[in-house]
């Protein structure tokens, strides 16, 4: 995982955007040419660009954190911890891990010929799409009837800017912001409609 700050420094983001510059990538996902830790290098490592709130909170104690190195890197090595030398030894094991995030995103966004509801932790009742036009927010494409989104007054064409204070600049951002809302809790959603910002109060129902 990379912060948007270091992603911009590495040229992975276009100016003013929070999504990858590369066309065809899943929202927030990039492939790093190389990742090196302590002189051990791995090539073509998938990563997500995401400013995780927990990481940002830890930064206030530890100082700057550029990201987290995880399974896509370490799965390629046999790891030995030498406590006496305070050292971790990594030996290539020949394993090439699959892009787990791409598989998850593929299943989530796979089109089935009919609208699919956005329901991470609770049921919202709307379908959104990233227009990839460089502007903030995602566009509401469909509002399901008799749902919390319909009751809140969402309309197709609304540009959803934020959910409960969390920005929503991609579909992935939107899902994560929605997932952070407890079911049956009313939160504010800011939308841009007709050039004007509106604040809608939405109460997601308990999911499955």
N, C-alpha and C. Protein backbone atom coordinates (compact mmCIF):
# COMPACT_ATOMS: atom_id res chain seq x y z
N UNK A 1 0.84 -1.18 0.00
CA UNK A 1 0.00 0.00 0.00
C UNK A 1 0.88 1.23 0.00
N UNK A 2 0.55 2.21 -0.84
CA UNK A 2 1.31 3.45 -0.93
C UNK A 2 0.41 4.62 -0.57
N UNK A 3 0.97 5.61 0.10
CA UNK A 3 0.23 6.84 0.33
C UNK A 3 0.16 7.62 -0.98
N UNK A 4 -0.87 8.45 -1.11
CA UNK A 4 -0.97 9.26 -2.34
C UNK A 4 0.21 10.22 -2.43
N UNK A 5 0.77 10.60 -1.30
CA UNK A 5 1.93 11.49 -1.28
C UNK A 5 3.11 10.87 -2.01
N UNK A 6 3.49 9.64 -1.62
CA UNK A 6 4.65 9.01 -2.25
C UNK A 6 4.31 8.57 -3.67
N UNK A 7 3.03 8.24 -3.93
CA UNK A 7 2.62 7.87 -5.28
C UNK A 7 2.83 9.03 -6.25
N UNK A 8 2.52 10.23 -5.79
CA UNK A 8 2.74 11.41 -6.63
C UNK A 8 4.23 11.64 -6.84
N UNK A 9 5.03 11.45 -5.79
CA UNK A 9 6.48 11.64 -5.90
C UNK A 9 7.08 10.64 -6.89
N UNK A 10 6.48 9.45 -6.99
CA UNK A 10 6.99 8.43 -7.90
C UNK A 10 6.40 8.54 -9.31
N UNK A 11 5.54 9.54 -9.52
CA UNK A 11 4.94 9.73 -10.83
C UNK A 11 3.84 8.75 -11.16
N UNK A 12 3.21 8.17 -10.13
CA UNK A 12 2.14 7.20 -10.34
C UNK A 12 0.77 7.84 -10.43
N UNK A 13 0.68 9.12 -10.08
CA UNK A 13 -0.59 9.83 -10.13
C UNK A 13 -0.47 11.06 -11.01
N UNK A 14 -1.55 11.35 -11.73
CA UNK A 14 -1.61 12.60 -12.45
C UNK A 14 -1.84 13.72 -11.45
N UNK A 15 -1.46 14.91 -11.80
CA UNK A 15 -1.63 16.05 -10.90
C UNK A 15 -3.09 16.23 -10.51
N UNK A 16 -3.34 16.33 -9.22
CA UNK A 16 -4.69 16.59 -8.74
C UNK A 16 -5.60 15.40 -8.67
N UNK A 17 -5.09 14.19 -8.94
CA UNK A 17 -5.95 13.01 -8.92
C UNK A 17 -5.55 12.06 -7.81
N UNK A 18 -6.51 11.24 -7.39
CA UNK A 18 -6.26 10.22 -6.37
C UNK A 18 -6.45 8.83 -6.97
N UNK A 19 -6.39 8.71 -8.28
CA UNK A 19 -6.50 7.43 -8.98
C UNK A 19 -5.30 7.26 -9.87
N UNK A 20 -4.94 6.02 -10.25
CA UNK A 20 -3.74 5.80 -11.05
C UNK A 20 -3.80 6.50 -12.40
N UNK A 21 -2.64 6.93 -12.88
CA UNK A 21 -2.58 7.55 -14.20
C UNK A 21 -2.73 6.51 -15.30
N UNK A 22 -2.36 5.25 -15.01
CA UNK A 22 -2.40 4.21 -16.03
C UNK A 22 -3.83 3.84 -16.38
N UNK A 23 -4.15 3.83 -17.65
CA UNK A 23 -5.50 3.47 -18.08
C UNK A 23 -5.73 1.98 -17.88
N UNK A 24 -6.97 1.62 -17.54
CA UNK A 24 -7.34 0.22 -17.43
C UNK A 24 -7.08 -0.39 -16.08
N UNK A 25 -6.47 0.35 -15.13
CA UNK A 25 -6.21 -0.19 -13.80
C UNK A 25 -7.47 -0.09 -12.95
N UNK A 26 -7.57 -0.99 -11.96
CA UNK A 26 -8.66 -0.86 -11.00
C UNK A 26 -8.44 0.40 -10.20
N UNK A 27 -9.53 1.00 -9.66
CA UNK A 27 -9.38 2.23 -8.89
C UNK A 27 -8.35 2.08 -7.77
N UNK A 28 -7.35 2.94 -7.77
CA UNK A 28 -6.34 2.92 -6.72
C UNK A 28 -5.23 1.90 -6.91
N UNK A 29 -5.30 1.05 -7.92
CA UNK A 29 -4.31 -0.01 -8.06
C UNK A 29 -3.26 0.33 -9.10
N UNK A 30 -2.00 0.00 -8.76
CA UNK A 30 -0.88 0.19 -9.69
C UNK A 30 0.01 -1.04 -9.60
N UNK A 31 0.92 -1.16 -10.55
CA UNK A 31 1.95 -2.20 -10.50
C UNK A 31 3.29 -1.51 -10.40
N UNK A 32 4.01 -1.80 -9.32
CA UNK A 32 5.31 -1.18 -9.09
C UNK A 32 6.38 -1.95 -9.86
N UNK A 33 7.23 -1.24 -10.59
CA UNK A 33 8.26 -1.89 -11.40
C UNK A 33 9.17 -2.73 -10.52
N UNK A 34 9.64 -2.14 -9.41
CA UNK A 34 10.46 -2.88 -8.46
C UNK A 34 10.17 -2.39 -7.05
N UNK A 35 10.31 -3.30 -6.09
CA UNK A 35 10.25 -2.95 -4.67
C UNK A 35 11.50 -3.53 -4.02
N UNK A 36 12.26 -2.67 -3.36
CA UNK A 36 13.49 -3.11 -2.73
C UNK A 36 13.45 -2.85 -1.24
N UNK A 37 13.78 -3.85 -0.45
CA UNK A 37 13.87 -3.71 1.00
C UNK A 37 15.17 -4.34 1.46
N UNK A 38 16.07 -3.54 1.99
CA UNK A 38 17.35 -4.06 2.48
C UNK A 38 18.18 -4.73 1.41
N UNK A 39 18.08 -4.26 0.17
CA UNK A 39 18.88 -4.83 -0.91
C UNK A 39 18.23 -6.02 -1.60
N UNK A 40 17.05 -6.45 -1.12
CA UNK A 40 16.32 -7.57 -1.75
C UNK A 40 15.21 -6.99 -2.61
N UNK A 41 15.22 -7.33 -3.91
CA UNK A 41 14.32 -6.71 -4.87
C UNK A 41 13.30 -7.69 -5.41
N UNK A 42 12.06 -7.22 -5.58
CA UNK A 42 11.00 -7.97 -6.25
C UNK A 42 10.46 -7.11 -7.38
N UNK A 43 10.17 -7.75 -8.51
CA UNK A 43 9.69 -7.02 -9.69
C UNK A 43 8.18 -7.17 -9.85
N UNK A 44 7.57 -6.18 -10.51
CA UNK A 44 6.15 -6.20 -10.86
C UNK A 44 5.27 -6.52 -9.65
N UNK A 45 5.35 -5.67 -8.66
CA UNK A 45 4.60 -5.88 -7.41
C UNK A 45 3.31 -5.06 -7.45
N UNK A 46 2.14 -5.71 -7.34
CA UNK A 46 0.89 -4.96 -7.31
C UNK A 46 0.76 -4.18 -6.01
N UNK A 47 0.18 -3.00 -6.08
CA UNK A 47 0.02 -2.17 -4.89
C UNK A 47 -1.25 -1.33 -5.02
N UNK A 48 -1.74 -0.85 -3.87
CA UNK A 48 -2.89 0.03 -3.83
C UNK A 48 -2.45 1.40 -3.33
N UNK A 49 -2.99 2.45 -3.94
CA UNK A 49 -2.76 3.81 -3.48
C UNK A 49 -3.92 4.19 -2.58
N UNK A 50 -3.63 4.36 -1.29
CA UNK A 50 -4.72 4.60 -0.35
C UNK A 50 -4.16 5.27 0.91
N UNK A 51 -4.73 6.39 1.29
CA UNK A 51 -4.34 7.07 2.52
C UNK A 51 -5.17 6.51 3.67
N UNK A 52 -4.66 5.43 4.25
CA UNK A 52 -5.42 4.73 5.29
C UNK A 52 -5.46 5.57 6.56
N UNK A 53 -6.65 5.79 7.15
CA UNK A 53 -6.74 6.64 8.35
C UNK A 53 -5.95 6.12 9.53
N UNK A 54 -5.82 4.79 9.67
CA UNK A 54 -5.04 4.25 10.78
C UNK A 54 -3.56 4.57 10.61
N UNK A 55 -3.06 4.45 9.38
CA UNK A 55 -1.66 4.77 9.11
C UNK A 55 -1.40 6.25 9.38
N UNK A 56 -2.34 7.11 8.97
CA UNK A 56 -2.16 8.54 9.20
C UNK A 56 -2.15 8.86 10.69
N UNK A 57 -2.93 8.12 11.48
CA UNK A 57 -2.93 8.33 12.93
C UNK A 57 -1.60 7.90 13.53
N UNK A 58 -1.05 6.77 13.04
CA UNK A 58 0.24 6.29 13.55
C UNK A 58 1.36 7.27 13.20
N UNK A 59 1.24 7.94 12.04
CA UNK A 59 2.26 8.91 11.62
C UNK A 59 2.46 10.02 12.65
N UNK A 60 1.40 10.35 13.38
CA UNK A 60 1.52 11.42 14.38
C UNK A 60 2.46 11.02 15.52
N UNK A 61 2.67 9.70 15.67
CA UNK A 61 3.56 9.20 16.72
C UNK A 61 4.94 8.85 16.17
N UNK A 62 4.95 8.19 15.01
CA UNK A 62 6.22 7.66 14.48
C UNK A 62 6.89 8.57 13.47
N UNK A 63 6.12 9.51 12.90
CA UNK A 63 6.64 10.29 11.79
C UNK A 63 6.16 9.72 10.46
N UNK A 64 6.69 10.23 9.38
CA UNK A 64 6.21 9.91 8.03
C UNK A 64 6.24 8.42 7.74
N UNK A 65 5.10 7.90 7.22
CA UNK A 65 4.99 6.52 6.74
C UNK A 65 4.55 6.57 5.28
N UNK A 66 5.36 6.02 4.40
CA UNK A 66 5.07 6.08 2.97
C UNK A 66 4.17 4.95 2.49
N UNK A 67 4.06 3.88 3.29
CA UNK A 67 3.21 2.78 2.88
C UNK A 67 3.47 1.54 3.71
N UNK A 68 2.90 0.43 3.28
CA UNK A 68 3.05 -0.84 3.98
C UNK A 68 3.48 -1.91 2.97
N UNK A 69 4.53 -2.64 3.29
CA UNK A 69 4.97 -3.76 2.45
C UNK A 69 4.31 -5.03 2.99
N UNK A 70 3.61 -5.75 2.13
CA UNK A 70 2.87 -6.92 2.59
C UNK A 70 3.07 -8.16 1.74
N UNK A 71 2.01 -8.96 1.64
CA UNK A 71 2.07 -10.27 1.01
C UNK A 71 2.61 -10.26 -0.42
N UNK A 72 2.20 -9.33 -1.30
CA UNK A 72 2.70 -9.37 -2.69
C UNK A 72 4.21 -9.33 -2.79
N UNK A 73 4.88 -8.78 -1.75
CA UNK A 73 6.34 -8.76 -1.73
C UNK A 73 6.90 -9.95 -0.96
N UNK A 74 6.46 -10.14 0.29
CA UNK A 74 7.07 -11.15 1.16
C UNK A 74 6.78 -12.59 0.74
N UNK A 75 5.68 -12.82 0.00
CA UNK A 75 5.36 -14.19 -0.41
C UNK A 75 6.40 -14.77 -1.36
N UNK A 76 7.23 -13.93 -1.92
CA UNK A 76 8.24 -14.39 -2.88
C UNK A 76 9.51 -14.89 -2.21
N UNK A 77 9.56 -14.81 -0.88
CA UNK A 77 10.80 -15.14 -0.16
C UNK A 77 10.52 -16.09 1.02
N UNK A 78 11.56 -16.89 1.33
CA UNK A 78 11.58 -17.61 2.60
C UNK A 78 12.20 -16.68 3.62
N UNK A 79 11.52 -16.47 4.72
CA UNK A 79 11.95 -15.46 5.68
C UNK A 79 12.48 -16.12 6.94
N UNK A 80 13.66 -15.72 7.37
CA UNK A 80 14.25 -16.18 8.62
C UNK A 80 14.54 -14.96 9.50
N UNK A 81 14.10 -15.03 10.75
CA UNK A 81 14.32 -13.93 11.68
C UNK A 81 15.50 -14.28 12.58
N UNK A 82 16.57 -13.51 12.49
CA UNK A 82 17.77 -13.70 13.32
C UNK A 82 17.69 -12.68 14.46
N UNK A 83 17.15 -13.14 15.58
CA UNK A 83 16.95 -12.22 16.70
C UNK A 83 18.28 -11.73 17.26
N UNK A 84 19.29 -12.59 17.29
CA UNK A 84 20.59 -12.19 17.83
C UNK A 84 21.20 -11.04 17.06
N UNK A 85 21.08 -11.10 15.73
CA UNK A 85 21.65 -10.05 14.88
C UNK A 85 20.65 -8.94 14.58
N UNK A 86 19.41 -9.09 15.10
CA UNK A 86 18.35 -8.12 14.81
C UNK A 86 18.20 -7.93 13.31
N UNK A 87 18.07 -9.07 12.62
CA UNK A 87 18.06 -9.03 11.16
C UNK A 87 17.05 -10.03 10.61
N UNK A 88 16.41 -9.66 9.50
CA UNK A 88 15.51 -10.55 8.78
C UNK A 88 16.18 -10.94 7.48
N UNK A 89 16.36 -12.25 7.25
CA UNK A 89 16.99 -12.74 6.03
C UNK A 89 15.91 -13.23 5.06
N UNK A 90 15.94 -12.72 3.85
CA UNK A 90 14.98 -13.09 2.81
C UNK A 90 15.69 -13.86 1.70
N UNK A 91 15.18 -15.07 1.42
CA UNK A 91 15.75 -15.90 0.36
C UNK A 91 14.67 -16.18 -0.68
N UNK A 92 14.90 -15.85 -1.96
CA UNK A 92 13.88 -16.11 -2.99
C UNK A 92 13.45 -17.57 -2.98
N UNK A 93 12.12 -17.80 -3.04
CA UNK A 93 11.59 -19.17 -3.01
C UNK A 93 10.97 -19.59 -4.34
N UNK A 94 11.03 -18.72 -5.34
CA UNK A 94 10.51 -19.06 -6.65
C UNK A 94 9.01 -18.86 -6.79
N UNK A 95 8.34 -18.50 -5.71
CA UNK A 95 6.89 -18.32 -5.76
C UNK A 95 6.54 -16.97 -6.36
N UNK A 96 5.57 -16.94 -7.27
CA UNK A 96 5.08 -15.71 -7.86
C UNK A 96 3.62 -15.56 -7.45
N UNK A 97 3.32 -14.79 -6.40
CA UNK A 97 1.94 -14.70 -5.91
C UNK A 97 1.01 -14.07 -6.94
N UNK A 98 -0.23 -14.54 -6.95
CA UNK A 98 -1.22 -13.96 -7.83
C UNK A 98 -1.62 -12.59 -7.30
N UNK A 99 -2.17 -11.77 -8.19
CA UNK A 99 -2.63 -10.45 -7.80
C UNK A 99 -3.97 -10.62 -7.08
N UNK A 100 -3.92 -10.79 -5.76
CA UNK A 100 -5.13 -11.06 -4.99
C UNK A 100 -6.12 -9.91 -5.08
N UNK A 101 -5.63 -8.67 -5.04
CA UNK A 101 -6.53 -7.52 -5.09
C UNK A 101 -7.29 -7.46 -6.41
N UNK A 102 -6.60 -7.78 -7.51
CA UNK A 102 -7.28 -7.76 -8.80
C UNK A 102 -8.40 -8.79 -8.83
N UNK A 103 -8.18 -9.96 -8.23
CA UNK A 103 -9.21 -10.99 -8.20
C UNK A 103 -10.42 -10.54 -7.39
N UNK A 104 -10.15 -9.90 -6.24
CA UNK A 104 -11.25 -9.40 -5.40
C UNK A 104 -12.04 -8.34 -6.14
N UNK A 105 -11.31 -7.38 -6.74
CA UNK A 105 -11.99 -6.29 -7.45
C UNK A 105 -12.75 -6.79 -8.65
N UNK A 106 -12.20 -7.79 -9.35
CA UNK A 106 -12.87 -8.36 -10.51
C UNK A 106 -14.21 -8.96 -10.10
N UNK A 107 -14.22 -9.70 -8.99
CA UNK A 107 -15.46 -10.29 -8.53
C UNK A 107 -16.46 -9.25 -8.08
N UNK A 108 -15.95 -8.17 -7.48
CA UNK A 108 -16.86 -7.14 -6.97
C UNK A 108 -17.51 -6.35 -8.10
N UNK A 109 -16.71 -6.01 -9.11
CA UNK A 109 -17.21 -5.13 -10.16
C UNK A 109 -17.69 -5.87 -11.41
N UNK A 110 -17.65 -7.19 -11.38
CA UNK A 110 -18.05 -7.95 -12.55
C UNK A 110 -19.50 -7.63 -12.92
N UNK A 111 -19.72 -7.29 -14.15
CA UNK A 111 -21.07 -6.93 -14.59
C UNK A 111 -21.87 -8.18 -14.89
N UNK A 112 -23.11 -8.20 -14.43
CA UNK A 112 -23.96 -9.36 -14.63
C UNK A 112 -25.15 -9.05 -15.53
N UNK A 113 -25.18 -7.86 -16.13
CA UNK A 113 -26.29 -7.50 -17.01
C UNK A 113 -27.41 -6.77 -16.31
N UNK A 114 -27.34 -6.62 -14.99
CA UNK A 114 -28.34 -5.87 -14.25
C UNK A 114 -27.65 -5.10 -13.14
N UNK A 115 -28.25 -4.00 -12.68
CA UNK A 115 -27.61 -3.18 -11.66
C UNK A 115 -27.33 -3.97 -10.39
N UNK A 116 -26.24 -3.60 -9.73
CA UNK A 116 -25.88 -4.25 -8.48
C UNK A 116 -25.82 -3.19 -7.38
N UNK A 117 -26.33 -3.52 -6.21
CA UNK A 117 -26.38 -2.57 -5.11
C UNK A 117 -25.03 -2.43 -4.44
N UNK A 118 -24.78 -1.22 -3.92
CA UNK A 118 -23.60 -0.99 -3.12
C UNK A 118 -23.95 -1.32 -1.68
N UNK A 119 -23.41 -2.41 -1.12
CA UNK A 119 -23.77 -2.86 0.22
C UNK A 119 -22.57 -3.46 0.94
N UNK A 120 -21.59 -2.62 1.34
CA UNK A 120 -20.42 -3.16 2.02
C UNK A 120 -20.72 -3.63 3.43
N UNK A 121 -21.04 -2.72 4.37
CA UNK A 121 -21.40 -3.11 5.74
C UNK A 121 -22.91 -3.06 5.90
N UNK A 122 -23.53 -2.15 5.21
CA UNK A 122 -24.98 -2.01 5.23
C UNK A 122 -25.49 -1.84 3.83
N UNK A 123 -26.79 -1.92 3.67
CA UNK A 123 -27.41 -1.76 2.35
C UNK A 123 -27.72 -0.28 2.11
N UNK A 124 -27.17 0.24 1.01
CA UNK A 124 -27.38 1.64 0.66
C UNK A 124 -28.42 1.78 -0.46
N UNK A 125 -28.25 0.96 -1.51
CA UNK A 125 -29.22 1.00 -2.59
C UNK A 125 -28.86 1.94 -3.72
N UNK A 126 -27.59 2.02 -4.05
CA UNK A 126 -27.20 2.84 -5.20
C UNK A 126 -26.02 2.20 -5.92
N UNK A 127 -25.87 2.59 -7.16
CA UNK A 127 -24.80 2.09 -8.02
C UNK A 127 -24.00 3.30 -8.49
N UNK A 128 -22.66 3.26 -8.32
CA UNK A 128 -21.84 4.41 -8.68
C UNK A 128 -20.78 4.01 -9.69
N UNK A 129 -20.24 5.02 -10.35
CA UNK A 129 -19.22 4.80 -11.37
C UNK A 129 -18.21 5.93 -11.33
N UNK A 130 -16.94 5.59 -11.53
CA UNK A 130 -15.89 6.59 -11.59
C UNK A 130 -15.79 7.13 -13.01
N UNK A 131 -16.13 8.40 -13.24
CA UNK A 131 -16.07 8.94 -14.61
C UNK A 131 -14.65 9.17 -15.10
N UNK A 132 -13.66 9.13 -14.19
CA UNK A 132 -12.24 9.32 -14.56
C UNK A 132 -12.04 10.59 -15.38
N UNK A 133 -12.69 11.67 -14.93
CA UNK A 133 -12.57 12.94 -15.65
C UNK A 133 -11.70 13.95 -14.92
N UNK A 134 -11.05 13.51 -13.83
CA UNK A 134 -10.16 14.40 -13.12
C UNK A 134 -10.82 15.24 -12.05
N UNK A 135 -12.15 15.15 -11.93
CA UNK A 135 -12.87 15.92 -10.92
C UNK A 135 -13.18 15.04 -9.71
N UNK A 136 -13.42 15.68 -8.59
CA UNK A 136 -13.69 14.95 -7.35
C UNK A 136 -15.01 14.21 -7.43
N UNK A 137 -15.09 13.07 -6.74
CA UNK A 137 -16.35 12.35 -6.59
C UNK A 137 -16.60 11.29 -7.65
N UNK A 138 -17.57 10.43 -7.33
CA UNK A 138 -18.06 9.40 -8.26
C UNK A 138 -19.48 9.76 -8.65
N UNK A 139 -19.93 9.24 -9.78
CA UNK A 139 -21.26 9.58 -10.30
C UNK A 139 -22.26 8.47 -9.96
N UNK A 140 -23.41 8.85 -9.43
CA UNK A 140 -24.49 7.91 -9.14
C UNK A 140 -25.17 7.54 -10.45
N UNK A 141 -25.13 6.26 -10.82
CA UNK A 141 -25.72 5.81 -12.07
C UNK A 141 -27.13 5.25 -11.88
N UNK A 142 -27.39 4.67 -10.71
CA UNK A 142 -28.71 4.05 -10.48
C UNK A 142 -29.05 4.12 -9.00
N UNK A 143 -30.30 4.47 -8.70
CA UNK A 143 -30.80 4.47 -7.32
C UNK A 143 -31.94 3.45 -7.26
N UNK A 144 -31.78 2.44 -6.42
CA UNK A 144 -32.79 1.40 -6.31
C UNK A 144 -33.99 1.90 -5.50
N UNK A 145 -35.20 1.56 -5.92
CA UNK A 145 -36.40 2.02 -5.20
C UNK A 145 -36.51 1.38 -3.82
N UNK A 146 -37.18 2.10 -2.92
CA UNK A 146 -37.43 1.60 -1.56
C UNK A 146 -36.15 1.22 -0.84
N UNK A 147 -35.12 2.04 -0.98
CA UNK A 147 -33.84 1.81 -0.31
C UNK A 147 -33.45 3.07 0.46
N UNK A 148 -32.47 2.96 1.36
CA UNK A 148 -32.01 4.15 2.07
C UNK A 148 -31.54 5.27 1.14
N UNK A 149 -30.90 4.91 0.03
CA UNK A 149 -30.44 5.94 -0.91
C UNK A 149 -31.61 6.69 -1.53
N UNK A 150 -32.67 5.96 -1.86
CA UNK A 150 -33.86 6.59 -2.42
C UNK A 150 -34.52 7.50 -1.39
N UNK A 151 -34.61 7.01 -0.15
CA UNK A 151 -35.23 7.80 0.91
C UNK A 151 -34.43 9.06 1.21
N UNK A 152 -33.12 8.98 1.05
CA UNK A 152 -32.26 10.14 1.31
C UNK A 152 -32.34 11.18 0.22
N UNK A 153 -32.86 10.80 -0.95
CA UNK A 153 -33.00 11.75 -2.05
C UNK A 153 -31.91 11.71 -3.09
N UNK A 154 -31.11 10.62 -3.10
CA UNK A 154 -30.12 10.48 -4.17
C UNK A 154 -30.81 10.42 -5.53
N UNK A 155 -30.17 10.98 -6.54
CA UNK A 155 -30.70 10.94 -7.90
C UNK A 155 -29.60 10.51 -8.87
N UNK A 156 -29.96 9.77 -9.92
CA UNK A 156 -28.96 9.45 -10.95
C UNK A 156 -28.35 10.73 -11.50
N UNK A 157 -27.05 10.72 -11.67
CA UNK A 157 -26.35 11.91 -12.14
C UNK A 157 -25.71 12.72 -11.04
N UNK A 158 -26.14 12.48 -9.77
CA UNK A 158 -25.48 13.13 -8.65
C UNK A 158 -24.00 12.74 -8.62
N UNK A 159 -23.15 13.69 -8.29
CA UNK A 159 -21.73 13.37 -8.09
C UNK A 159 -21.51 13.29 -6.58
N UNK A 160 -21.25 12.08 -6.11
CA UNK A 160 -21.08 11.83 -4.68
C UNK A 160 -19.65 12.22 -4.27
N UNK A 161 -19.54 13.28 -3.46
CA UNK A 161 -18.24 13.83 -3.09
C UNK A 161 -17.68 13.17 -1.84
N UNK A 162 -18.53 13.00 -0.82
CA UNK A 162 -18.03 12.43 0.43
C UNK A 162 -19.15 11.73 1.18
N UNK A 163 -18.75 10.78 2.03
CA UNK A 163 -19.67 10.05 2.90
C UNK A 163 -19.14 10.17 4.32
N UNK A 164 -19.92 10.78 5.19
CA UNK A 164 -19.54 10.94 6.60
C UNK A 164 -18.15 11.57 6.73
N UNK A 165 -17.87 12.55 5.87
CA UNK A 165 -16.60 13.26 5.93
C UNK A 165 -15.45 12.59 5.22
N UNK A 166 -15.67 11.39 4.66
CA UNK A 166 -14.61 10.68 3.93
C UNK A 166 -14.77 10.94 2.44
N UNK A 167 -13.66 11.33 1.79
CA UNK A 167 -13.75 11.64 0.37
C UNK A 167 -14.05 10.40 -0.45
N UNK A 168 -14.64 10.62 -1.61
CA UNK A 168 -15.09 9.51 -2.46
C UNK A 168 -14.68 9.80 -3.90
N UNK A 169 -13.36 9.76 -4.16
CA UNK A 169 -12.85 10.12 -5.48
C UNK A 169 -12.73 8.94 -6.44
N UNK A 170 -13.08 7.74 -5.99
CA UNK A 170 -13.10 6.57 -6.86
C UNK A 170 -14.13 5.60 -6.30
N UNK A 171 -14.48 4.57 -7.07
CA UNK A 171 -15.43 3.57 -6.59
C UNK A 171 -14.88 2.89 -5.34
N UNK A 172 -13.58 2.62 -5.34
CA UNK A 172 -12.97 1.98 -4.18
C UNK A 172 -13.06 2.88 -2.95
N UNK A 173 -12.78 4.18 -3.13
CA UNK A 173 -12.92 5.12 -2.02
C UNK A 173 -14.34 5.11 -1.49
N UNK A 174 -15.30 5.12 -2.41
CA UNK A 174 -16.72 5.15 -2.04
C UNK A 174 -17.10 3.92 -1.22
N UNK A 175 -16.65 2.75 -1.67
CA UNK A 175 -16.96 1.51 -0.96
C UNK A 175 -16.35 1.54 0.44
N UNK A 176 -15.11 1.99 0.54
CA UNK A 176 -14.45 2.02 1.84
C UNK A 176 -15.14 3.02 2.79
N UNK A 177 -15.54 4.17 2.24
CA UNK A 177 -16.23 5.15 3.07
C UNK A 177 -17.57 4.61 3.54
N UNK A 178 -18.29 3.94 2.64
CA UNK A 178 -19.59 3.37 3.00
C UNK A 178 -19.43 2.24 4.01
N UNK A 179 -18.36 1.45 3.86
CA UNK A 179 -18.13 0.32 4.77
C UNK A 179 -17.83 0.78 6.19
N UNK A 180 -17.35 2.03 6.33
CA UNK A 180 -17.02 2.54 7.66
C UNK A 180 -18.25 3.02 8.43
N UNK A 181 -19.39 3.05 7.76
CA UNK A 181 -20.63 3.53 8.39
C UNK A 181 -21.38 2.35 9.00
N UNK A 182 -21.70 2.45 10.26
CA UNK A 182 -22.45 1.38 10.94
C UNK A 182 -23.89 1.36 10.43
N UNK A 183 -24.45 0.17 10.15
CA UNK A 183 -25.84 0.08 9.72
C UNK A 183 -26.77 0.76 10.72
N UNK A 184 -27.84 1.34 10.21
CA UNK A 184 -28.86 2.01 11.01
C UNK A 184 -28.34 3.29 11.68
N UNK A 185 -27.21 3.82 11.17
CA UNK A 185 -26.68 5.09 11.66
C UNK A 185 -26.80 6.14 10.57
N UNK A 186 -27.40 7.27 10.91
CA UNK A 186 -27.57 8.35 9.94
C UNK A 186 -26.27 9.11 9.76
N UNK A 187 -25.86 9.30 8.50
CA UNK A 187 -24.64 10.05 8.20
C UNK A 187 -24.92 11.03 7.07
N UNK A 188 -24.05 12.02 6.95
CA UNK A 188 -24.20 13.02 5.89
C UNK A 188 -23.43 12.59 4.65
N UNK A 189 -24.07 12.71 3.50
CA UNK A 189 -23.43 12.45 2.22
C UNK A 189 -23.51 13.74 1.39
N UNK A 190 -22.38 14.21 0.93
CA UNK A 190 -22.34 15.45 0.15
C UNK A 190 -22.34 15.10 -1.33
N UNK A 191 -23.30 15.65 -2.07
CA UNK A 191 -23.38 15.42 -3.51
C UNK A 191 -23.35 16.76 -4.23
N UNK A 192 -22.89 16.71 -5.47
CA UNK A 192 -22.90 17.88 -6.34
C UNK A 192 -23.99 17.66 -7.37
N UNK A 193 -24.99 18.55 -7.39
CA UNK A 193 -26.13 18.42 -8.30
C UNK A 193 -26.43 19.78 -8.92
N UNK A 194 -26.39 19.84 -10.24
CA UNK A 194 -26.67 21.10 -10.91
C UNK A 194 -25.68 22.19 -10.55
N UNK A 195 -24.43 21.79 -10.26
CA UNK A 195 -23.41 22.77 -9.93
C UNK A 195 -23.42 23.24 -8.49
N UNK A 196 -24.33 22.70 -7.68
CA UNK A 196 -24.42 23.11 -6.28
C UNK A 196 -24.26 21.90 -5.37
N UNK A 197 -23.59 22.11 -4.24
CA UNK A 197 -23.44 21.04 -3.26
C UNK A 197 -24.70 20.90 -2.42
N UNK A 198 -25.09 19.66 -2.19
CA UNK A 198 -26.22 19.36 -1.31
C UNK A 198 -25.78 18.31 -0.31
N UNK A 199 -26.29 18.41 0.91
CA UNK A 199 -25.99 17.42 1.94
C UNK A 199 -27.22 16.58 2.20
N UNK A 200 -27.09 15.28 1.97
CA UNK A 200 -28.19 14.35 2.17
C UNK A 200 -27.94 13.52 3.42
N UNK A 201 -28.99 13.22 4.16
CA UNK A 201 -28.87 12.36 5.34
C UNK A 201 -29.34 10.96 4.95
N UNK A 202 -28.45 9.98 5.08
CA UNK A 202 -28.77 8.61 4.67
C UNK A 202 -28.51 7.66 5.83
N UNK A 203 -29.40 6.70 6.01
CA UNK A 203 -29.28 5.69 7.07
C UNK A 203 -29.27 4.31 6.44
N UNK A 204 -28.07 3.72 6.22
CA UNK A 204 -28.01 2.40 5.58
C UNK A 204 -28.64 1.32 6.46
N UNK A 205 -29.29 0.35 5.81
CA UNK A 205 -29.88 -0.77 6.52
C UNK A 205 -28.81 -1.83 6.79
N UNK A 206 -29.10 -2.70 7.73
CA UNK A 206 -28.18 -3.80 8.02
C UNK A 206 -28.05 -4.68 6.78
N UNK A 207 -26.80 -5.08 6.46
CA UNK A 207 -26.55 -5.93 5.29
C UNK A 207 -26.77 -7.38 5.62
N UNK A 208 -26.29 -8.24 4.71
CA UNK A 208 -26.50 -9.67 4.87
C UNK A 208 -25.43 -10.27 5.76
